[in-house]
Amino acid sequence: MSADNPAPLDTLAFTVDEASRTLRISRSTFYEWVKAGVLPVSKIRGRTLVRRVDVEQLLARSLSTAA
């Protein structure tokens, strides 16, 4: 996977970089959202992961409030 491409759509969880690219946000914004409780993450073997379903729910909430 190149740095320009988001994670595959069939993945269950994204790394910080994959989630940031998928959401088209910076890493610092990603961590701000985590700290604010906007985006839940898990730590597995030292890696910070965010579930794909949580990214999708974040987008759905954002789209419904923008309408």
C-alpha atoms as a PDB file:
ATOM      1  CA  MET A   1       0.000   0.000   0.000  1.00  0.00           C
ATOM      2  CA  SER A   2       1.474   3.354  -0.969  1.00  0.00           C
ATOM      3  CA  ALA A   3       1.379   6.444   1.227  1.00  0.00           C
ATOM      4  CA  ASP A   4      -1.152   8.052  -1.124  1.00  0.00           C
ATOM      5  CA  ASN A   5      -3.774   5.306  -0.871  1.00  0.00           C
ATOM      6  CA  PRO A   6      -6.168   4.752   2.015  1.00  0.00           C
ATOM      7  CA  ALA A   7      -6.453   1.340   3.642  1.00  0.00           C
ATOM      8  CA  PRO A   8      -8.347  -1.376   1.791  1.00  0.00           C
ATOM      9  CA  LEU A   9     -12.104  -1.118   2.210  1.00  0.00           C
ATOM     10  CA  ASP A  10     -12.325  -4.626   3.674  1.00  0.00           C
ATOM     11  CA  THR A  11     -10.092  -3.833   6.648  1.00  0.00           C
ATOM     12  CA  LEU A  12     -11.617  -4.051  10.127  1.00  0.00           C
ATOM     13  CA  ALA A  13      -9.372  -1.408  11.674  1.00  0.00           C
ATOM     14  CA  PHE A  14      -7.195   1.448  10.519  1.00  0.00           C
ATOM     15  CA  THR A  15      -3.821   2.573  11.792  1.00  0.00           C
ATOM     16  CA  VAL A  16      -3.452   6.261  12.643  1.00  0.00           C
ATOM     17  CA  ASP A  17      -1.947   6.983   9.219  1.00  0.00           C
ATOM     18  CA  GLU A  18      -4.592   4.985   7.354  1.00  0.00           C
ATOM     19  CA  ALA A  19      -7.452   6.611   9.253  1.00  0.00           C
ATOM     20  CA  SER A  20      -5.977  10.070   8.759  1.00  0.00           C
ATOM     21  CA  ARG A  21      -5.614   9.510   5.015  1.00  0.00           C
ATOM     22  CA  THR A  22      -9.094   7.972   4.764  1.00  0.00           C
ATOM     23  CA  LEU A  23     -10.674  10.912   6.618  1.00  0.00           C
ATOM     24  CA  ARG A  24      -8.335  13.369   4.879  1.00  0.00           C
ATOM     25  CA  ILE A  25      -7.264  14.927   8.157  1.00  0.00           C
ATOM     26  CA  SER A  26      -3.860  15.511   9.709  1.00  0.00           C
ATOM     27  CA  ARG A  27      -2.406  13.213  12.350  1.00  0.00           C
ATOM     28  CA  SER A  28      -2.694  16.045  14.884  1.00  0.00           C
ATOM     29  CA  THR A  29      -6.411  16.452  14.131  1.00  0.00           C
ATOM     30  CA  PHE A  30      -6.821  12.692  14.490  1.00  0.00           C
ATOM     31  CA  TYR A  31      -5.260  12.794  17.968  1.00  0.00           C
ATOM     32  CA  GLU A  32      -7.326  15.875  18.916  1.00  0.00           C
ATOM     33  CA  TRP A  33     -10.490  13.953  18.012  1.00  0.00           C
ATOM     34  CA  VAL A  34      -9.306  10.962  20.053  1.00  0.00           C
ATOM     35  CA  LYS A  35      -8.570  13.182  23.059  1.00  0.00           C
ATOM     36  CA  ALA A  36     -11.989  14.870  22.732  1.00  0.00           C
ATOM     37  CA  GLY A  37     -13.747  11.492  22.576  1.00  0.00           C
ATOM     38  CA  VAL A  38     -14.934  12.032  19.012  1.00  0.00           C
ATOM     39  CA  LEU A  39     -13.132   8.946  17.729  1.00  0.00           C
ATOM     40  CA  PRO A  40     -12.546   5.883  19.941  1.00  0.00           C
ATOM     41  CA  VAL A  41      -9.295   3.962  19.527  1.00  0.00           C
ATOM     42  CA  SER A  42      -7.766   0.753  20.814  1.00  0.00           C
ATOM     43  CA  LYS A  43      -4.162  -0.068  21.572  1.00  0.00           C
ATOM     44  CA  ILE A  44      -3.101  -3.491  20.355  1.00  0.00           C
ATOM     45  CA  ARG A  45       0.523  -4.554  20.701  1.00  0.00           C
ATOM     46  CA  GLY A  46       1.593  -0.926  20.916  1.00  0.00           C
ATOM     47  CA  ARG A  47      -0.323   0.128  17.807  1.00  0.00           C
ATOM     48  CA  THR A  48      -3.162   2.632  17.925  1.00  0.00           C
ATOM     49  CA  LEU A  49      -6.088   1.337  15.870  1.00  0.00           C
ATOM     50  CA  VAL A  50      -9.510   2.732  15.068  1.00  0.00           C
ATOM     51  CA  ARG A  51     -12.315   0.462  13.933  1.00  0.00           C
ATOM     52  CA  ARG A  52     -13.646   1.051  10.429  1.00  0.00           C
ATOM     53  CA  VAL A  53     -17.198   1.063  11.802  1.00  0.00           C
ATOM     54  CA  ASP A  54     -16.279   3.965  14.125  1.00  0.00           C
ATOM     55  CA  VAL A  55     -14.891   5.950  11.179  1.00  0.00           C
ATOM     56  CA  GLU A  56     -18.085   5.256   9.227  1.00  0.00           C
ATOM     57  CA  GLN A  57     -20.261   6.313  12.183  1.00  0.00           C
ATOM     58  CA  LEU A  58     -18.261   9.521  12.574  1.00  0.00           C
ATOM     59  CA  LEU A  59     -18.859  10.345   8.917  1.00  0.00           C
ATOM     60  CA  ALA A  60     -22.573   9.508   9.186  1.00  0.00           C
ATOM     61  CA  ARG A  61     -22.950  11.785  12.224  1.00  0.00           C
ATOM     62  CA  SER A  62     -21.085  14.580  10.463  1.00  0.00           C
ATOM     63  CA  LEU A  63     -23.192  14.290   7.337  1.00  0.00           C
ATOM     64  CA  SER A  64     -26.477  14.263   9.271  1.00  0.00           C
ATOM     65  CA  THR A  65     -25.563  17.386  11.257  1.00  0.00           C
ATOM     66  CA  ALA A  66     -24.413  19.186   8.091  1.00  0.00           C
ATOM     67  CA  ALA A  67     -27.745  18.619   6.342  1.00  0.00           C
END
